[in-house]
N, C-alpha and C. Protein backbone atom coordinates (compact mmCIF):
# COMPACT_ATOMS: atom_id res chain seq x y z
N MET A 1 5.49 -0.12 0.16
CA MET A 1 6.01 0.24 -1.15
C MET A 1 5.49 -0.78 -2.22
N ALA A 2 5.57 -0.36 -3.40
CA ALA A 2 5.20 -1.23 -4.51
C ALA A 2 6.00 -2.58 -4.41
N THR A 3 5.38 -3.63 -4.75
CA THR A 3 5.98 -4.95 -4.77
C THR A 3 6.21 -5.57 -3.39
N SER A 4 5.74 -4.90 -2.32
CA SER A 4 5.92 -5.48 -0.99
C SER A 4 5.04 -6.67 -0.73
N GLY A 5 4.03 -6.79 -1.50
CA GLY A 5 3.12 -7.92 -1.38
C GLY A 5 1.73 -7.64 -0.80
N LYS A 6 1.39 -6.34 -0.71
CA LYS A 6 0.11 -5.96 -0.09
C LYS A 6 -1.10 -6.63 -0.77
N SER A 7 -1.10 -6.54 -2.13
CA SER A 7 -2.23 -7.07 -2.84
C SER A 7 -2.28 -8.57 -2.90
N THR A 8 -1.16 -9.22 -2.67
CA THR A 8 -1.09 -10.70 -2.66
C THR A 8 -1.41 -11.19 -1.25
N ILE A 9 -0.77 -10.59 -0.24
CA ILE A 9 -0.88 -11.01 1.10
C ILE A 9 -2.26 -10.62 1.75
N GLY A 10 -2.71 -9.45 1.40
CA GLY A 10 -3.99 -8.98 1.96
C GLY A 10 -5.19 -9.98 1.82
N PRO A 11 -5.46 -10.45 0.62
CA PRO A 11 -6.59 -11.42 0.49
C PRO A 11 -6.36 -12.69 1.28
N LEU A 12 -5.11 -13.14 1.35
CA LEU A 12 -4.83 -14.35 2.11
C LEU A 12 -5.00 -14.14 3.61
N VAL A 13 -4.56 -13.01 4.10
CA VAL A 13 -4.77 -12.68 5.54
C VAL A 13 -6.22 -12.51 5.85
N SER A 14 -6.97 -11.85 4.96
CA SER A 14 -8.41 -11.63 5.19
C SER A 14 -9.16 -12.97 5.19
N LYS A 15 -8.73 -13.89 4.32
CA LYS A 15 -9.41 -15.21 4.28
C LYS A 15 -9.10 -15.97 5.59
N GLU A 16 -7.81 -15.94 6.01
CA GLU A 16 -7.49 -16.65 7.25
C GLU A 16 -8.20 -16.11 8.49
N LEU A 17 -8.42 -14.78 8.49
CA LEU A 17 -9.05 -14.13 9.63
C LEU A 17 -10.60 -13.91 9.45
N ASN A 18 -11.08 -14.51 8.37
CA ASN A 18 -12.52 -14.40 8.07
C ASN A 18 -12.97 -12.95 7.99
N MET A 19 -12.25 -12.19 7.22
CA MET A 19 -12.50 -10.74 7.04
C MET A 19 -12.83 -10.46 5.55
N THR A 20 -13.43 -9.31 5.34
CA THR A 20 -13.58 -8.84 3.99
C THR A 20 -12.24 -8.21 3.58
N PHE A 21 -12.00 -8.18 2.25
CA PHE A 21 -10.74 -7.56 1.76
C PHE A 21 -11.08 -6.44 0.81
N ILE A 22 -10.37 -5.31 1.02
CA ILE A 22 -10.55 -4.14 0.18
C ILE A 22 -9.17 -3.74 -0.31
N ASP A 23 -9.06 -3.44 -1.63
CA ASP A 23 -7.86 -2.95 -2.20
C ASP A 23 -8.20 -1.53 -2.74
N THR A 24 -7.66 -0.51 -2.07
CA THR A 24 -8.04 0.84 -2.45
C THR A 24 -7.59 1.24 -3.84
N ASP A 25 -6.46 0.66 -4.32
CA ASP A 25 -6.06 0.92 -5.69
C ASP A 25 -7.15 0.48 -6.68
N SER A 26 -7.73 -0.67 -6.40
CA SER A 26 -8.81 -1.22 -7.25
C SER A 26 -10.03 -0.30 -7.21
N ILE A 27 -10.38 0.22 -6.05
CA ILE A 27 -11.47 1.13 -5.93
C ILE A 27 -11.24 2.34 -6.79
N ILE A 28 -10.07 2.91 -6.74
CA ILE A 28 -9.73 4.08 -7.53
C ILE A 28 -9.82 3.80 -9.02
N GLU A 29 -9.25 2.64 -9.41
CA GLU A 29 -9.27 2.27 -10.85
C GLU A 29 -10.69 2.10 -11.34
N GLN A 30 -11.60 1.46 -10.50
CA GLN A 30 -12.96 1.32 -10.89
C GLN A 30 -13.68 2.61 -10.96
N LYS A 31 -13.42 3.51 -10.03
CA LYS A 31 -14.08 4.83 -9.97
C LYS A 31 -13.82 5.60 -11.25
N TYR A 32 -12.57 5.56 -11.72
CA TYR A 32 -12.18 6.34 -12.90
C TYR A 32 -12.16 5.50 -14.18
N ASN A 33 -12.35 4.19 -14.08
CA ASN A 33 -12.30 3.29 -15.21
C ASN A 33 -10.99 3.44 -15.95
N LYS A 34 -9.91 3.58 -15.18
CA LYS A 34 -8.59 3.70 -15.71
C LYS A 34 -7.60 3.00 -14.80
N SER A 35 -6.45 2.59 -15.39
CA SER A 35 -5.38 2.05 -14.56
C SER A 35 -4.76 3.20 -13.71
N LEU A 36 -4.08 2.84 -12.66
CA LEU A 36 -3.43 3.88 -11.83
C LEU A 36 -2.46 4.68 -12.63
N GLY A 37 -1.68 3.96 -13.47
CA GLY A 37 -0.69 4.64 -14.37
C GLY A 37 -1.31 5.65 -15.24
N GLN A 38 -2.43 5.32 -15.83
CA GLN A 38 -3.11 6.26 -16.75
C GLN A 38 -3.72 7.42 -15.95
N LEU A 39 -4.26 7.09 -14.79
CA LEU A 39 -4.87 8.15 -13.97
C LEU A 39 -3.80 9.12 -13.53
N LEU A 40 -2.62 8.62 -13.05
CA LEU A 40 -1.55 9.52 -12.65
C LEU A 40 -1.08 10.40 -13.85
N GLU A 41 -1.04 9.81 -15.01
CA GLU A 41 -0.63 10.58 -16.17
C GLU A 41 -1.67 11.67 -16.46
N ASP A 42 -2.94 11.38 -16.28
CA ASP A 42 -4.01 12.29 -16.57
C ASP A 42 -4.18 13.44 -15.56
N ILE A 43 -4.06 13.09 -14.29
CA ILE A 43 -4.39 14.12 -13.27
C ILE A 43 -3.13 14.55 -12.49
N GLY A 44 -2.07 13.86 -12.52
CA GLY A 44 -0.84 14.25 -11.87
C GLY A 44 -0.81 13.73 -10.43
N ASN A 45 0.38 13.81 -9.84
CA ASN A 45 0.62 13.23 -8.54
C ASN A 45 -0.20 13.89 -7.43
N GLU A 46 -0.23 15.22 -7.43
CA GLU A 46 -0.88 15.95 -6.36
C GLU A 46 -2.41 15.64 -6.29
N LYS A 47 -3.03 15.69 -7.48
CA LYS A 47 -4.49 15.39 -7.48
C LYS A 47 -4.75 13.92 -7.17
N PHE A 48 -3.80 13.04 -7.61
CA PHE A 48 -3.98 11.66 -7.34
C PHE A 48 -3.94 11.39 -5.80
N ILE A 49 -3.02 11.99 -5.13
CA ILE A 49 -2.92 11.84 -3.65
C ILE A 49 -4.14 12.37 -2.96
N ILE A 50 -4.73 13.46 -3.45
CA ILE A 50 -5.97 13.97 -2.90
C ILE A 50 -7.07 12.99 -3.10
N GLU A 51 -7.17 12.41 -4.31
CA GLU A 51 -8.21 11.49 -4.68
C GLU A 51 -8.07 10.18 -3.82
N GLU A 52 -6.84 9.73 -3.72
CA GLU A 52 -6.58 8.55 -2.92
C GLU A 52 -6.97 8.76 -1.47
N SER A 53 -6.65 9.92 -0.89
CA SER A 53 -7.03 10.26 0.43
C SER A 53 -8.55 10.27 0.58
N SER A 54 -9.20 10.87 -0.40
CA SER A 54 -10.67 10.93 -0.35
C SER A 54 -11.34 9.57 -0.39
N VAL A 55 -10.86 8.70 -1.24
CA VAL A 55 -11.40 7.33 -1.31
C VAL A 55 -11.15 6.63 0.03
N ILE A 56 -9.98 6.71 0.58
CA ILE A 56 -9.68 6.03 1.86
C ILE A 56 -10.50 6.60 3.00
N SER A 57 -10.57 7.89 3.04
CA SER A 57 -11.26 8.55 4.14
C SER A 57 -12.76 8.32 4.11
N SER A 58 -13.30 7.88 2.95
CA SER A 58 -14.71 7.63 2.81
C SER A 58 -15.05 6.18 3.07
N LEU A 59 -14.11 5.35 3.37
CA LEU A 59 -14.38 3.90 3.64
C LEU A 59 -15.25 3.79 4.87
N SER A 60 -16.20 2.88 4.77
CA SER A 60 -17.03 2.53 5.94
C SER A 60 -17.04 1.01 6.04
N CYS A 61 -16.23 0.55 6.92
CA CYS A 61 -16.09 -0.94 6.99
C CYS A 61 -15.69 -1.38 8.40
N THR A 62 -15.99 -2.63 8.70
CA THR A 62 -15.57 -3.27 9.92
C THR A 62 -15.09 -4.65 9.54
N ASN A 63 -14.29 -5.21 10.37
CA ASN A 63 -13.74 -6.58 10.13
C ASN A 63 -13.24 -6.71 8.68
N THR A 64 -12.38 -5.78 8.32
CA THR A 64 -11.90 -5.69 6.93
C THR A 64 -10.42 -5.50 6.90
N CYS A 65 -9.77 -6.22 5.97
CA CYS A 65 -8.35 -6.05 5.71
C CYS A 65 -8.25 -5.09 4.52
N ILE A 66 -7.56 -3.99 4.69
CA ILE A 66 -7.49 -2.95 3.65
C ILE A 66 -6.07 -2.85 3.14
N SER A 67 -5.92 -3.05 1.85
CA SER A 67 -4.65 -2.86 1.15
C SER A 67 -4.69 -1.48 0.48
N THR A 68 -3.76 -0.62 0.86
CA THR A 68 -3.71 0.70 0.29
C THR A 68 -2.53 0.81 -0.70
N GLY A 69 -2.63 1.83 -1.54
CA GLY A 69 -1.48 2.11 -2.33
C GLY A 69 -0.36 2.68 -1.50
N GLY A 70 0.86 2.50 -1.95
CA GLY A 70 1.98 2.97 -1.14
C GLY A 70 2.07 4.47 -0.91
N SER A 71 1.43 5.21 -1.77
CA SER A 71 1.50 6.67 -1.66
C SER A 71 0.57 7.24 -0.59
N VAL A 72 -0.27 6.40 0.01
CA VAL A 72 -1.19 6.84 1.04
C VAL A 72 -0.46 7.61 2.14
N VAL A 73 0.80 7.26 2.40
CA VAL A 73 1.52 7.93 3.51
C VAL A 73 1.81 9.36 3.24
N TYR A 74 1.55 9.87 2.02
CA TYR A 74 1.67 11.26 1.70
C TYR A 74 0.50 12.11 2.19
N SER A 75 -0.53 11.40 2.63
CA SER A 75 -1.73 12.06 3.10
C SER A 75 -1.91 11.87 4.63
N HIS A 76 -1.65 12.93 5.39
CA HIS A 76 -1.87 12.79 6.81
C HIS A 76 -3.33 12.52 7.13
N THR A 77 -4.23 13.10 6.32
CA THR A 77 -5.63 12.91 6.55
C THR A 77 -6.02 11.42 6.42
N ALA A 78 -5.56 10.80 5.36
CA ALA A 78 -5.86 9.39 5.12
C ALA A 78 -5.24 8.50 6.20
N MET A 79 -4.05 8.81 6.57
CA MET A 79 -3.33 7.95 7.58
C MET A 79 -3.99 8.18 8.97
N LYS A 80 -4.40 9.39 9.31
CA LYS A 80 -5.08 9.60 10.57
C LYS A 80 -6.43 8.80 10.62
N PHE A 81 -7.10 8.79 9.43
CA PHE A 81 -8.36 8.07 9.36
C PHE A 81 -8.11 6.58 9.55
N LEU A 82 -7.12 6.07 8.83
CA LEU A 82 -6.77 4.61 8.96
C LEU A 82 -6.40 4.25 10.39
N LYS A 83 -5.60 5.09 11.05
CA LYS A 83 -5.21 4.86 12.42
C LYS A 83 -6.45 4.72 13.35
N GLN A 84 -7.51 5.44 13.00
CA GLN A 84 -8.73 5.46 13.80
C GLN A 84 -9.53 4.15 13.63
N ILE A 85 -9.47 3.62 12.43
CA ILE A 85 -10.34 2.45 12.11
C ILE A 85 -9.63 1.11 12.07
N ALA A 86 -8.31 1.15 12.09
CA ALA A 86 -7.55 -0.08 11.81
C ALA A 86 -6.24 -0.12 12.55
N HIS A 87 -5.65 -1.35 12.51
CA HIS A 87 -4.25 -1.50 12.90
C HIS A 87 -3.45 -1.54 11.65
N ILE A 88 -2.36 -0.77 11.55
CA ILE A 88 -1.63 -0.61 10.36
C ILE A 88 -0.42 -1.51 10.40
N VAL A 89 -0.29 -2.34 9.37
CA VAL A 89 0.85 -3.26 9.22
C VAL A 89 1.74 -2.76 8.08
N PHE A 90 2.99 -2.55 8.34
CA PHE A 90 4.00 -2.15 7.35
C PHE A 90 4.76 -3.39 6.96
N ILE A 91 4.64 -3.79 5.73
CA ILE A 91 5.41 -4.88 5.18
C ILE A 91 6.74 -4.30 4.70
N ASN A 92 7.77 -4.48 5.46
CA ASN A 92 9.08 -3.84 5.17
C ASN A 92 9.91 -4.73 4.28
N LEU A 93 10.06 -4.24 3.07
CA LEU A 93 10.90 -4.95 2.11
C LEU A 93 12.04 -4.04 1.77
N SER A 94 13.25 -4.55 1.79
CA SER A 94 14.45 -3.72 1.51
C SER A 94 14.45 -3.16 0.11
N TYR A 95 15.19 -2.09 -0.04
CA TYR A 95 15.29 -1.47 -1.36
C TYR A 95 15.81 -2.41 -2.46
N PRO A 96 16.90 -3.15 -2.20
CA PRO A 96 17.38 -4.09 -3.23
C PRO A 96 16.29 -5.05 -3.71
N LYS A 97 15.49 -5.53 -2.79
CA LYS A 97 14.41 -6.51 -3.13
C LYS A 97 13.37 -5.78 -4.02
N ILE A 98 12.97 -4.56 -3.67
CA ILE A 98 11.98 -3.78 -4.41
C ILE A 98 12.54 -3.49 -5.79
N GLU A 99 13.74 -3.03 -5.83
CA GLU A 99 14.40 -2.73 -7.11
C GLU A 99 14.46 -3.98 -8.02
N ASN A 100 14.80 -5.08 -7.45
CA ASN A 100 14.83 -6.32 -8.24
C ASN A 100 13.45 -6.69 -8.79
N ARG A 101 12.41 -6.53 -7.95
CA ARG A 101 11.08 -6.90 -8.38
C ARG A 101 10.54 -5.99 -9.41
N LEU A 102 11.01 -4.73 -9.43
CA LEU A 102 10.51 -3.74 -10.37
C LEU A 102 11.44 -3.62 -11.61
N ALA A 103 12.52 -4.38 -11.64
CA ALA A 103 13.53 -4.24 -12.71
C ALA A 103 12.95 -4.32 -14.11
N SER A 104 12.04 -5.18 -14.31
CA SER A 104 11.45 -5.42 -15.65
C SER A 104 10.09 -4.72 -15.88
N ILE A 105 9.75 -3.79 -14.96
CA ILE A 105 8.46 -3.12 -15.04
C ILE A 105 8.64 -1.65 -15.24
N ASP A 106 7.86 -1.07 -16.09
CA ASP A 106 7.87 0.39 -16.28
C ASP A 106 7.13 0.99 -15.07
N ILE A 107 7.85 1.78 -14.31
CA ILE A 107 7.24 2.37 -13.09
C ILE A 107 6.04 3.24 -13.36
N LYS A 108 6.03 3.96 -14.48
CA LYS A 108 4.90 4.78 -14.80
C LYS A 108 3.68 3.94 -15.06
N SER A 109 3.81 2.81 -15.75
CA SER A 109 2.63 1.95 -15.99
C SER A 109 2.14 1.28 -14.73
N ARG A 110 3.07 1.14 -13.77
CA ARG A 110 2.67 0.48 -12.48
C ARG A 110 1.79 1.41 -11.65
N GLY A 111 1.88 2.72 -11.89
CA GLY A 111 1.03 3.66 -11.13
C GLY A 111 1.68 4.05 -9.82
N ILE A 112 2.96 4.32 -9.85
CA ILE A 112 3.66 4.71 -8.65
C ILE A 112 3.80 6.28 -8.64
N VAL A 113 3.36 6.85 -7.58
CA VAL A 113 3.47 8.36 -7.44
C VAL A 113 4.98 8.65 -7.27
N ILE A 114 5.52 9.32 -8.28
CA ILE A 114 6.93 9.66 -8.29
C ILE A 114 7.06 11.03 -8.94
N GLU A 115 7.65 11.95 -8.21
CA GLU A 115 7.82 13.32 -8.70
C GLU A 115 8.88 13.32 -9.84
N LYS A 116 8.72 14.29 -10.73
CA LYS A 116 9.71 14.45 -11.79
C LYS A 116 11.06 14.69 -11.21
N GLY A 117 12.04 14.01 -11.74
CA GLY A 117 13.43 14.17 -11.29
C GLY A 117 13.80 13.23 -10.16
N LYS A 118 12.88 12.51 -9.64
CA LYS A 118 13.17 11.54 -8.55
C LYS A 118 13.19 10.15 -9.20
N ASN A 119 13.90 9.24 -8.48
CA ASN A 119 14.00 7.85 -8.90
C ASN A 119 13.40 6.99 -7.84
N LEU A 120 13.40 5.70 -8.05
CA LEU A 120 12.83 4.74 -7.11
C LEU A 120 13.46 4.83 -5.75
N PHE A 121 14.79 4.94 -5.70
CA PHE A 121 15.46 4.98 -4.40
C PHE A 121 15.06 6.27 -3.64
N ASP A 122 14.85 7.39 -4.33
CA ASP A 122 14.40 8.59 -3.70
C ASP A 122 13.04 8.37 -3.03
N ILE A 123 12.15 7.70 -3.79
CA ILE A 123 10.81 7.42 -3.24
C ILE A 123 10.91 6.52 -2.04
N TYR A 124 11.71 5.46 -2.15
CA TYR A 124 11.86 4.55 -1.05
C TYR A 124 12.40 5.25 0.18
N SER A 125 13.41 6.10 0.01
CA SER A 125 13.99 6.84 1.13
C SER A 125 13.03 7.84 1.74
N GLU A 126 12.15 8.36 0.93
CA GLU A 126 11.16 9.35 1.39
C GLU A 126 10.07 8.61 2.17
N ARG A 127 9.56 7.51 1.62
CA ARG A 127 8.39 6.82 2.22
C ARG A 127 8.72 5.97 3.43
N LYS A 128 9.88 5.29 3.49
CA LYS A 128 10.10 4.34 4.54
C LYS A 128 9.97 4.97 5.92
N PRO A 129 10.49 6.14 6.21
CA PRO A 129 10.29 6.71 7.50
C PRO A 129 8.80 7.02 7.78
N LEU A 130 8.05 7.37 6.79
CA LEU A 130 6.63 7.63 6.95
C LEU A 130 5.90 6.35 7.26
N TYR A 131 6.21 5.25 6.58
CA TYR A 131 5.64 3.97 6.89
C TYR A 131 5.87 3.60 8.36
N SER A 132 7.10 3.79 8.77
CA SER A 132 7.47 3.45 10.14
C SER A 132 6.75 4.28 11.17
N ILE A 133 6.55 5.58 10.88
CA ILE A 133 5.84 6.39 11.79
C ILE A 133 4.37 5.97 12.00
N TYR A 134 3.74 5.59 10.91
CA TYR A 134 2.32 5.29 11.02
C TYR A 134 2.04 3.82 11.39
N ALA A 135 3.02 2.93 11.26
CA ALA A 135 2.77 1.49 11.48
C ALA A 135 2.54 1.18 12.96
N ASP A 136 1.54 0.33 13.15
CA ASP A 136 1.38 -0.30 14.47
C ASP A 136 2.24 -1.54 14.59
N TYR A 137 2.43 -2.23 13.49
CA TYR A 137 3.27 -3.42 13.39
C TYR A 137 4.14 -3.31 12.15
N THR A 138 5.38 -3.75 12.30
CA THR A 138 6.29 -3.85 11.12
C THR A 138 6.71 -5.29 10.96
N ILE A 139 6.51 -5.74 9.72
CA ILE A 139 6.85 -7.11 9.39
C ILE A 139 8.06 -7.06 8.43
N GLU A 140 9.11 -7.72 8.83
CA GLU A 140 10.29 -7.75 7.98
C GLU A 140 10.08 -8.86 6.90
N ALA A 141 10.10 -8.46 5.66
CA ALA A 141 9.65 -9.36 4.58
C ALA A 141 10.75 -9.95 3.70
N ASP A 142 11.94 -9.44 3.81
CA ASP A 142 12.99 -9.83 2.81
C ASP A 142 13.17 -11.34 2.56
N ASP A 143 13.32 -12.09 3.59
CA ASP A 143 13.60 -13.49 3.43
C ASP A 143 12.50 -14.43 3.82
N LYS A 144 11.26 -13.91 3.63
CA LYS A 144 10.10 -14.74 4.05
C LYS A 144 9.21 -15.00 2.85
N SER A 145 8.66 -16.18 2.84
CA SER A 145 7.70 -16.57 1.79
C SER A 145 6.36 -15.87 2.05
N ILE A 146 5.49 -15.93 1.07
CA ILE A 146 4.16 -15.37 1.25
C ILE A 146 3.46 -16.06 2.40
N GLU A 147 3.60 -17.36 2.48
CA GLU A 147 3.01 -18.14 3.57
C GLU A 147 3.51 -17.70 4.92
N GLU A 148 4.81 -17.47 4.98
CA GLU A 148 5.41 -17.04 6.31
C GLU A 148 4.84 -15.67 6.72
N LEU A 149 4.75 -14.74 5.68
CA LEU A 149 4.25 -13.44 5.97
C LEU A 149 2.78 -13.44 6.42
N VAL A 150 1.99 -14.27 5.74
CA VAL A 150 0.53 -14.39 6.11
C VAL A 150 0.46 -14.94 7.57
N ALA A 151 1.25 -15.95 7.86
CA ALA A 151 1.22 -16.54 9.19
C ALA A 151 1.62 -15.51 10.25
N GLU A 152 2.59 -14.71 9.97
CA GLU A 152 3.10 -13.76 10.93
C GLU A 152 2.05 -12.66 11.17
N ILE A 153 1.41 -12.21 10.10
CA ILE A 153 0.37 -11.15 10.26
C ILE A 153 -0.86 -11.70 10.94
N THR A 154 -1.33 -12.87 10.52
CA THR A 154 -2.47 -13.38 11.17
C THR A 154 -2.22 -13.74 12.64
N GLY A 155 -0.97 -14.13 12.94
CA GLY A 155 -0.59 -14.36 14.34
C GLY A 155 -0.72 -13.14 15.19
N ILE A 156 -0.40 -12.01 14.64
CA ILE A 156 -0.55 -10.74 15.39
C ILE A 156 -2.03 -10.51 15.80
N PHE A 157 -2.92 -10.78 14.88
CA PHE A 157 -4.36 -10.45 15.15
C PHE A 157 -5.07 -11.61 15.90
N ARG A 158 -4.51 -12.78 15.84
CA ARG A 158 -5.12 -13.85 16.61
C ARG A 158 -4.61 -13.81 18.07
N GLY A 159 -3.42 -13.15 18.23
CA GLY A 159 -2.65 -12.93 19.38
C GLY A 159 -3.09 -13.23 20.70
């Protein structure tokens, strides 16, 4: 989910494990020369999910830590591809923590795929089971610092 720490933790994990880091949201923004929020406004949720899936499914990488947008779980194609090339880590942050982190942020400007008439809790409730289904590893993040999360994730892969 948004604010779970993917874009912060990913580069730190990749550095610790001597891996390349890719943020698929950044790839999409560079491809369109627009923020995710603007792109979502321009093309809509459905087309965005298709584009996100296309970008992810076209990745060609090894020894890489990939941070995806939270909406990737809406694409079975993208998730199937990721399962084939990677171990998927779900950074599980509770709804109250996410809500608190997003309290002062306009969700539309953040670039969160959210259908008309739905709110943040609806999206959380919809996505969380999907994250759990696809995850190889689930990291409970509520009461952990960034350093603790990085250590836990790198520990899995050094294992």
